[in-house]
Amino acid sequence: MMGFGTGLGGGLGGMLWVLGCILLIVGLVVLVAWAVSRATAQDHGAKAPAERTEALDILRARFARGEISEAEYTQATNVLRSGR
């Protein structure tokens, strides 16, 4: 038979083709997972400073109105600035 063992189904060439396709699919899945994780990490990083600034503004206003003592203000400010 002429051409027996060639093409996608036969021999070492066929196995390499299948292995290459599997590696390509795995690579694409890893790339998409990496891109999604980067996008979500950037979202959290962008929101944290704005939320922290807003919390500090509220804290300053409460201190100015006399709702909290200087010690409470200082402690809360240190906690917010440290990121805990």
PDB file of N, CA and C in Angstrom:
ATOM      1  N   MET A   1       0.840  -1.181   0.000  1.00  0.00           N
ATOM      2  CA  MET A   1       0.000   0.000   0.000  1.00  0.00           C
ATOM      3  C   MET A   1       0.881   1.238   0.000  1.00  0.00           C
ATOM      4  N   MET A   2       0.569   2.093  -0.844  1.00  0.00           N
ATOM      5  CA  MET A   2       1.377   3.288  -0.951  1.00  0.00           C
ATOM      6  C   MET A   2       0.900   4.337   0.051  1.00  0.00           C
ATOM      7  N   GLY A   3       1.821   4.948   0.797  1.00  0.00           N
ATOM      8  CA  GLY A   3       1.477   5.996   1.747  1.00  0.00           C
ATOM      9  C   GLY A   3       1.048   5.482   3.099  1.00  0.00           C
ATOM     10  N   PHE A   4       1.197   4.199   3.363  1.00  0.00           N
ATOM     11  CA  PHE A   4       0.821   3.648   4.664  1.00  0.00           C
ATOM     12  C   PHE A   4       1.751   4.188   5.739  1.00  0.00           C
ATOM     13  N   GLY A   5       1.174   4.651   6.888  1.00  0.00           N
ATOM     14  CA  GLY A   5       1.991   5.135   7.985  1.00  0.00           C
ATOM     15  C   GLY A   5       2.290   6.619   7.919  1.00  0.00           C
ATOM     16  N   THR A   6       1.727   7.313   6.977  1.00  0.00           N
ATOM     17  CA  THR A   6       1.954   8.755   6.899  1.00  0.00           C
ATOM     18  C   THR A   6       0.660   9.475   7.252  1.00  0.00           C
ATOM     19  N   GLY A   7       0.771  10.727   7.498  1.00  0.00           N
ATOM     20  CA  GLY A   7      -0.406  11.508   7.846  1.00  0.00           C
ATOM     21  C   GLY A   7      -0.549  11.656   9.346  1.00  0.00           C
ATOM     22  N   LEU A   8      -1.727  12.088   9.773  1.00  0.00           N
ATOM     23  CA  LEU A   8      -1.952  12.359  11.188  1.00  0.00           C
ATOM     24  C   LEU A   8      -1.960  11.109  12.053  1.00  0.00           C
ATOM     25  N   GLY A   9      -2.417  10.007  11.529  1.00  0.00           N
ATOM     26  CA  GLY A   9      -2.624   8.840  12.359  1.00  0.00           C
ATOM     27  C   GLY A   9      -1.437   7.929  12.493  1.00  0.00           C
ATOM     28  N   GLY A  10      -0.402   8.087  11.747  1.00  0.00           N
ATOM     29  CA  GLY A  10       0.627   7.066  11.760  1.00  0.00           C
ATOM     30  C   GLY A  10       1.995   7.545  12.173  1.00  0.00           C
ATOM     31  N   GLY A  11       2.665   6.721  12.934  1.00  0.00           N
ATOM     32  CA  GLY A  11       4.075   6.913  13.230  1.00  0.00           C
ATOM     33  C   GLY A  11       4.367   8.049  14.186  1.00  0.00           C
ATOM     34  N   LEU A  12       5.629   8.368  14.231  1.00  0.00           N
ATOM     35  CA  LEU A  12       6.139   9.391  15.141  1.00  0.00           C
ATOM     36  C   LEU A  12       5.616  10.782  14.783  1.00  0.00           C
ATOM     37  N   GLY A  13       5.478  11.058  13.507  1.00  0.00           N
ATOM     38  CA  GLY A  13       4.980  12.361  13.070  1.00  0.00           C
ATOM     39  C   GLY A  13       3.583  12.648  13.580  1.00  0.00           C
ATOM     40  N   GLY A  14       2.738  11.638  13.583  1.00  0.00           N
ATOM     41  CA  GLY A  14       1.377  11.800  14.082  1.00  0.00           C
ATOM     42  C   GLY A  14       1.340  12.071  15.564  1.00  0.00           C
ATOM     43  N   MET A  15       2.187  11.371  16.313  1.00  0.00           N
ATOM     44  CA  MET A  15       2.235  11.583  17.765  1.00  0.00           C
ATOM     45  C   MET A  15       2.762  12.979  18.104  1.00  0.00           C
ATOM     46  N   LEU A  16       3.755  13.425  17.335  1.00  0.00           N
ATOM     47  CA  LEU A  16       4.284  14.770  17.569  1.00  0.00           C
ATOM     48  C   LEU A  16       3.244  15.840  17.262  1.00  0.00           C
ATOM     49  N   TRP A  17       2.459  15.610  16.228  1.00  0.00           N
ATOM     50  CA  TRP A  17       1.390  16.551  15.873  1.00  0.00           C
ATOM     51  C   TRP A  17       0.361  16.653  17.002  1.00  0.00           C
ATOM     52  N   VAL A  18      -0.055  15.525  17.541  1.00  0.00           N
ATOM     53  CA  VAL A  18      -1.031  15.502  18.629  1.00  0.00           C
ATOM     54  C   VAL A  18      -0.435  16.160  19.871  1.00  0.00           C
ATOM     55  N   LEU A  19       0.814  15.851  20.194  1.00  0.00           N
ATOM     56  CA  LEU A  19       1.479  16.456  21.352  1.00  0.00           C
ATOM     57  C   LEU A  19       1.580  17.974  21.185  1.00  0.00           C
ATOM     58  N   GLY A  20       1.886  18.423  19.983  1.00  0.00           N
ATOM     59  CA  GLY A  20       1.963  19.861  19.725  1.00  0.00           C
ATOM     60  C   GLY A  20       0.624  20.556  19.922  1.00  0.00           C
ATOM     61  N   CYS A  21      -0.437  19.914  19.479  1.00  0.00           N
ATOM     62  CA  CYS A  21      -1.782  20.477  19.659  1.00  0.00           C
ATOM     63  C   CYS A  21      -2.161  20.553  21.136  1.00  0.00           C
ATOM     64  N   ILE A  22      -1.833  19.506  21.874  1.00  0.00           N
ATOM     65  CA  ILE A  22      -2.125  19.512  23.312  1.00  0.00           C
ATOM     66  C   ILE A  22      -1.351  20.623  24.008  1.00  0.00           C
ATOM     67  N   LEU A  23      -0.077  20.768  23.684  1.00  0.00           N
ATOM     68  CA  LEU A  23       0.732  21.834  24.294  1.00  0.00           C
ATOM     69  C   LEU A  23       0.197  23.220  23.938  1.00  0.00           C
ATOM     70  N   LEU A  24      -0.284  23.384  22.729  1.00  0.00           N
ATOM     71  CA  LEU A  24      -0.861  24.659  22.319  1.00  0.00           C
ATOM     72  C   LEU A  24      -2.119  24.979  23.125  1.00  0.00           C
ATOM     73  N   ILE A  25      -2.979  24.004  23.304  1.00  0.00           N
ATOM     74  CA  ILE A  25      -4.211  24.212  24.067  1.00  0.00           C
ATOM     75  C   ILE A  25      -3.883  24.528  25.523  1.00  0.00           C
ATOM     76  N   VAL A  26      -2.960  23.772  26.121  1.00  0.00           N
ATOM     77  CA  VAL A  26      -2.568  24.021  27.514  1.00  0.00           C
ATOM     78  C   VAL A  26      -1.958  25.419  27.644  1.00  0.00           C
ATOM     79  N   GLY A  27      -1.140  25.810  26.680  1.00  0.00           N
ATOM     80  CA  GLY A  27      -0.542  27.135  26.703  1.00  0.00           C
ATOM     81  C   GLY A  27      -1.581  28.247  26.638  1.00  0.00           C
ATOM     82  N   LEU A  28      -2.599  28.061  25.813  1.00  0.00           N
ATOM     83  CA  LEU A  28      -3.666  29.059  25.718  1.00  0.00           C
ATOM     84  C   LEU A  28      -4.464  29.161  27.017  1.00  0.00           C
ATOM     85  N   VAL A  29      -4.734  28.006  27.643  1.00  0.00           N
ATOM     86  CA  VAL A  29      -5.454  28.023  28.915  1.00  0.00           C
ATOM     87  C   VAL A  29      -4.640  28.750  29.979  1.00  0.00           C
ATOM     88  N   VAL A  30      -3.339  28.488  30.050  1.00  0.00           N
ATOM     89  CA  VAL A  30      -2.471  29.158  31.021  1.00  0.00           C
ATOM     90  C   VAL A  30      -2.428  30.658  30.745  1.00  0.00           C
ATOM     91  N   LEU A  31      -2.352  31.046  29.498  1.00  0.00           N
ATOM     92  CA  LEU A  31      -2.316  32.468  29.131  1.00  0.00           C
ATOM     93  C   LEU A  31      -3.595  33.182  29.548  1.00  0.00           C
ATOM     94  N   VAL A  32      -4.734  32.569  29.311  1.00  0.00           N
ATOM     95  CA  VAL A  32      -6.013  33.175  29.697  1.00  0.00           C
ATOM     96  C   VAL A  32      -6.110  33.282  31.220  1.00  0.00           C
ATOM     97  N   ALA A  33      -5.705  32.230  31.935  1.00  0.00           N
ATOM     98  CA  ALA A  33      -5.747  32.260  33.400  1.00  0.00           C
ATOM     99  C   ALA A  33      -4.839  33.359  33.946  1.00  0.00           C
ATOM    100  N   TRP A  34      -3.655  33.506  33.361  1.00  0.00           N
ATOM    101  CA  TRP A  34      -2.722  34.555  33.790  1.00  0.00           C
ATOM    102  C   TRP A  34      -3.321  35.940  33.536  1.00  0.00           C
ATOM    103  N   ALA A  35      -3.938  36.138  32.373  1.00  0.00           N
ATOM    104  CA  ALA A  35      -4.521  37.438  32.037  1.00  0.00           C
ATOM    105  C   ALA A  35      -5.664  37.787  32.983  1.00  0.00           C
ATOM    106  N   VAL A  36      -6.486  36.814  33.310  1.00  0.00           N
ATOM    107  CA  VAL A  36      -7.598  37.060  34.231  1.00  0.00           C
ATOM    108  C   VAL A  36      -7.081  37.396  35.621  1.00  0.00           C
ATOM    109  N   SER A  37      -6.059  36.675  36.079  1.00  0.00           N
ATOM    110  CA  SER A  37      -5.519  36.956  37.413  1.00  0.00           C
ATOM    111  C   SER A  37      -4.868  38.334  37.469  1.00  0.00           C
ATOM    112  N   ARG A  38      -4.207  38.746  36.405  1.00  0.00           N
ATOM    113  CA  ARG A  38      -3.610  40.089  36.366  1.00  0.00           C
ATOM    114  C   ARG A  38      -4.688  41.171  36.394  1.00  0.00           C
ATOM    115  N   ALA A  39      -5.764  40.949  35.661  1.00  0.00           N
ATOM    116  CA  ALA A  39      -6.848  41.935  35.600  1.00  0.00           C
ATOM    117  C   ALA A  39      -7.519  42.084  36.957  1.00  0.00           C
ATOM    118  N   THR A  40      -7.757  40.994  37.643  1.00  0.00           N
ATOM    119  CA  THR A  40      -8.407  41.084  38.951  1.00  0.00           C
ATOM    120  C   THR A  40      -7.464  41.655  39.990  1.00  0.00           C
ATOM    121  N   ALA A  41      -6.178  41.374  39.895  1.00  0.00           N
ATOM    122  CA  ALA A  41      -5.203  41.927  40.842  1.00  0.00           C
ATOM    123  C   ALA A  41      -5.101  43.440  40.673  1.00  0.00           C
ATOM    124  N   GLN A  42      -5.160  43.929  39.456  1.00  0.00           N
ATOM    125  CA  GLN A  42      -5.089  45.361  39.210  1.00  0.00           C
ATOM    126  C   GLN A  42      -6.330  46.060  39.734  1.00  0.00           C
ATOM    127  N   ASP A  43      -7.490  45.422  39.636  1.00  0.00           N
ATOM    128  CA  ASP A  43      -8.718  46.030  40.148  1.00  0.00           C
ATOM    129  C   ASP A  43      -8.640  46.222  41.659  1.00  0.00           C
ATOM    130  N   HIS A  44      -8.167  45.220  42.375  1.00  0.00           N
ATOM    131  CA  HIS A  44      -8.071  45.338  43.824  1.00  0.00           C
ATOM    132  C   HIS A  44      -7.045  46.391  44.213  1.00  0.00           C
ATOM    133  N   GLY A  45      -5.943  46.453  43.489  1.00  0.00           N
ATOM    134  CA  GLY A  45      -4.923  47.445  43.793  1.00  0.00           C
ATOM    135  C   GLY A  45      -5.389  48.866  43.531  1.00  0.00           C
ATOM    136  N   ALA A  46      -6.250  49.047  42.536  1.00  0.00           N
ATOM    137  CA  ALA A  46      -6.730  50.385  42.193  1.00  0.00           C
ATOM    138  C   ALA A  46      -7.754  50.882  43.208  1.00  0.00           C
ATOM    139  N   LYS A  47      -8.525  49.983  43.805  1.00  0.00           N
ATOM    140  CA  LYS A  47      -9.579  50.403  44.716  1.00  0.00           C
ATOM    141  C   LYS A  47      -9.061  50.668  46.123  1.00  0.00           C
ATOM    142  N   ALA A  48      -8.035  49.977  46.544  1.00  0.00           N
ATOM    143  CA  ALA A  48      -7.572  50.069  47.926  1.00  0.00           C
ATOM    144  C   ALA A  48      -7.143  51.479  48.328  1.00  0.00           C
ATOM    145  N   PRO A  49      -6.308  52.188  47.557  1.00  0.00           N
ATOM    146  CA  PRO A  49      -5.921  53.530  47.986  1.00  0.00           C
ATOM    147  C   PRO A  49      -7.106  54.503  48.061  1.00  0.00           C
ATOM    148  N   ALA A  50      -8.063  54.395  47.143  1.00  0.00           N
ATOM    149  CA  ALA A  50      -9.222  55.284  47.168  1.00  0.00           C
ATOM    150  C   ALA A  50     -10.068  55.020  48.410  1.00  0.00           C
ATOM    151  N   GLU A  51     -10.266  53.740  48.732  1.00  0.00           N
ATOM    152  CA  GLU A  51     -11.039  53.400  49.922  1.00  0.00           C
ATOM    153  C   GLU A  51     -10.307  53.857  51.179  1.00  0.00           C
ATOM    154  N   ARG A  52      -8.991  53.693  51.196  1.00  0.00           N
ATOM    155  CA  ARG A  52      -8.196  54.098  52.347  1.00  0.00           C
ATOM    156  C   ARG A  52      -8.254  55.616  52.528  1.00  0.00           C
ATOM    157  N   THR A  53      -8.185  56.372  51.424  1.00  0.00           N
ATOM    158  CA  THR A  53      -8.257  57.831  51.495  1.00  0.00           C
ATOM    159  C   THR A  53      -9.627  58.264  52.010  1.00  0.00           C
ATOM    160  N   GLU A  54     -10.669  57.601  51.537  1.00  0.00           N
ATOM    161  CA  GLU A  54     -12.022  57.926  52.003  1.00  0.00           C
ATOM    162  C   GLU A  54     -12.163  57.642  53.494  1.00  0.00           C
ATOM    163  N   ALA A  55     -11.606  56.538  53.950  1.00  0.00           N
ATOM    164  CA  ALA A  55     -11.671  56.196  55.370  1.00  0.00           C
ATOM    165  C   ALA A  55     -10.910  57.219  56.208  1.00  0.00           C
ATOM    166  N   LEU A  56      -9.767  57.676  55.717  1.00  0.00           N
ATOM    167  CA  LEU A  56      -9.001  58.700  56.448  1.00  0.00           C
ATOM    168  C   LEU A  56      -9.773  60.013  56.517  1.00  0.00           C
ATOM    169  N   ASP A  57     -10.473  60.361  55.439  1.00  0.00           N
ATOM    170  CA  ASP A  57     -11.290  61.583  55.445  1.00  0.00           C
ATOM    171  C   ASP A  57     -12.402  61.496  56.491  1.00  0.00           C
ATOM    172  N   ILE A  58     -13.050  60.342  56.562  1.00  0.00           N
ATOM    173  CA  ILE A  58     -14.113  60.142  57.558  1.00  0.00           C
ATOM    174  C   ILE A  58     -13.529  60.225  58.960  1.00  0.00           C
ATOM    175  N   LEU A  59     -12.370  59.621  59.137  1.00  0.00           N
ATOM    176  CA  LEU A  59     -11.708  59.634  60.442  1.00  0.00           C
ATOM    177  C   LEU A  59     -11.363  61.064  60.867  1.00  0.00           C
ATOM    178  N   ARG A  60     -10.834  61.850  59.939  1.00  0.00           N
ATOM    179  CA  ARG A  60     -10.501  63.256  60.247  1.00  0.00           C
ATOM    180  C   ARG A  60     -11.754  64.041  60.641  1.00  0.00           C
ATOM    181  N   ALA A  61     -12.840  63.802  59.919  1.00  0.00           N
ATOM    182  CA  ALA A  61     -14.087  64.513  60.214  1.00  0.00           C
ATOM    183  C   ALA A  61     -14.616  64.130  61.599  1.00  0.00           C
ATOM    184  N   ARG A  62     -14.553  62.864  61.950  1.00  0.00           N
ATOM    185  CA  ARG A  62     -15.011  62.432  63.282  1.00  0.00           C
ATOM    186  C   ARG A  62     -14.150  63.035  64.382  1.00  0.00           C
ATOM    187  N   PHE A  63     -12.848  63.121  64.126  1.00  0.00           N
ATOM    188  CA  PHE A  63     -11.957  63.726  65.116  1.00  0.00           C
ATOM    189  C   PHE A  63     -12.258  65.220  65.253  1.00  0.00           C
ATOM    190  N   ALA A  64     -12.507  65.885  64.122  1.00  0.00           N
ATOM    191  CA  ALA A  64     -12.801  67.314  64.147  1.00  0.00           C
ATOM    192  C   ALA A  64     -14.116  67.602  64.876  1.00  0.00           C
ATOM    193  N   ARG A  65     -15.094  66.711  64.785  1.00  0.00           N
ATOM    194  CA  ARG A  65     -16.369  66.893  65.482  1.00  0.00           C
ATOM    195  C   ARG A  65     -16.287  66.497  66.956  1.00  0.00           C
ATOM    196  N   GLY A  66     -15.173  65.896  67.356  1.00  0.00           N
ATOM    197  CA  GLY A  66     -15.010  65.496  68.747  1.00  0.00           C
ATOM    198  C   GLY A  66     -15.635  64.151  69.074  1.00  0.00           C
ATOM    199  N   GLU A  67     -15.946  63.362  68.057  1.00  0.00           N
ATOM    200  CA  GLU A  67     -16.554  62.059  68.289  1.00  0.00           C
ATOM    201  C   GLU A  67     -15.551  61.030  68.798  1.00  0.00           C
ATOM    202  N   ILE A  68     -14.274  61.213  68.455  1.00  0.00           N
ATOM    203  CA  ILE A  68     -13.234  60.289  68.914  1.00  0.00           C
ATOM    204  C   ILE A  68     -12.092  61.077  69.537  1.00  0.00           C
ATOM    205  N   SER A  69     -11.364  60.441  70.430  1.00  0.00           N
ATOM    206  CA  SER A  69     -10.249  61.110  71.101  1.00  0.00           C
ATOM    207  C   SER A  69      -9.020  61.122  70.187  1.00  0.00           C
ATOM    208  N   GLU A  70      -8.006  61.867  70.620  1.00  0.00           N
ATOM    209  CA  GLU A  70      -6.763  61.940  69.846  1.00  0.00           C
ATOM    210  C   GLU A  70      -6.083  60.572  69.794  1.00  0.00           C
ATOM    211  N   ALA A  71      -6.126  59.838  70.885  1.00  0.00           N
ATOM    212  CA  ALA A  71      -5.514  58.506  70.921  1.00  0.00           C
ATOM    213  C   ALA A  71      -6.222  57.558  69.935  1.00  0.00           C
ATOM    214  N   GLU A  72      -7.540  57.612  69.908  1.00  0.00           N
ATOM    215  CA  GLU A  72      -8.299  56.768  68.969  1.00  0.00           C
ATOM    216  C   GLU A  72      -8.003  57.167  67.524  1.00  0.00           C
ATOM    217  N   TYR A  73      -7.923  58.466  67.286  1.00  0.00           N
ATOM    218  CA  TYR A  73      -7.611  58.970  65.952  1.00  0.00           C
ATOM    219  C   TYR A  73      -6.238  58.492  65.505  1.00  0.00           C
ATOM    220  N   THR A  74      -5.245  58.628  66.377  1.00  0.00           N
ATOM    221  CA  THR A  74      -3.880  58.227  66.042  1.00  0.00           C
ATOM    222  C   THR A  74      -3.802  56.726  65.779  1.00  0.00           C
ATOM    223  N   GLN A  75      -4.441  55.942  66.628  1.00  0.00           N
ATOM    224  CA  GLN A  75      -4.416  54.490  66.457  1.00  0.00           C
ATOM    225  C   GLN A  75      -5.090  54.081  65.141  1.00  0.00           C
ATOM    226  N   ALA A  76      -6.247  54.643  64.856  1.00  0.00           N
ATOM    227  CA  ALA A  76      -6.972  54.301  63.632  1.00  0.00           C
ATOM    228  C   ALA A  76      -6.210  54.757  62.391  1.00  0.00           C
ATOM    229  N   THR A  77      -5.586  55.919  62.455  1.00  0.00           N
ATOM    230  CA  THR A  77      -4.784  56.411  61.335  1.00  0.00           C
ATOM    231  C   THR A  77      -3.627  55.470  61.041  1.00  0.00           C
ATOM    232  N   ASN A  78      -2.953  55.017  62.095  1.00  0.00           N
ATOM    233  CA  ASN A  78      -1.824  54.090  61.913  1.00  0.00           C
ATOM    234  C   ASN A  78      -2.284  52.777  61.298  1.00  0.00           C
ATOM    235  N   VAL A  79      -3.418  52.291  61.731  1.00  0.00           N
ATOM    236  CA  VAL A  79      -3.950  51.043  61.179  1.00  0.00           C
ATOM    237  C   VAL A  79      -4.281  51.212  59.701  1.00  0.00           C
ATOM    238  N   LEU A  80      -4.939  52.294  59.334  1.00  0.00           N
ATOM    239  CA  LEU A  80      -5.318  52.513  57.937  1.00  0.00           C
ATOM    240  C   LEU A  80      -4.089  52.694  57.057  1.00  0.00           C
ATOM    241  N   ARG A  81      -3.101  53.403  57.528  1.00  0.00           N
ATOM    242  CA  ARG A  81      -1.907  53.637  56.724  1.00  0.00           C
ATOM    243  C   ARG A  81      -1.051  52.396  56.573  1.00  0.00           C
ATOM    244  N   SER A  82      -1.128  51.494  57.543  1.00  0.00           N
ATOM    245  CA  SER A  82      -0.335  50.257  57.430  1.00  0.00           C
ATOM    246  C   SER A  82      -0.988  49.245  56.507  1.00  0.00           C
ATOM    247  N   GLY A  83      -2.264  49.448  56.192  1.00  0.00           N
ATOM    248  CA  GLY A  83      -2.948  48.560  55.264  1.00  0.00           C
ATOM    249  C   GLY A  83      -3.539  47.322  55.908  1.00  0.00           C
ATOM    250  N   ARG A  84      -3.644  47.278  57.210  1.00  0.00           N
ATOM    251  CA  ARG A  84      -4.229  46.115  57.886  1.00  0.00           C
ATOM    252  C   ARG A  84      -5.722  46.146  57.808  1.00  0.00           C
TER     253      ARG A  84
END
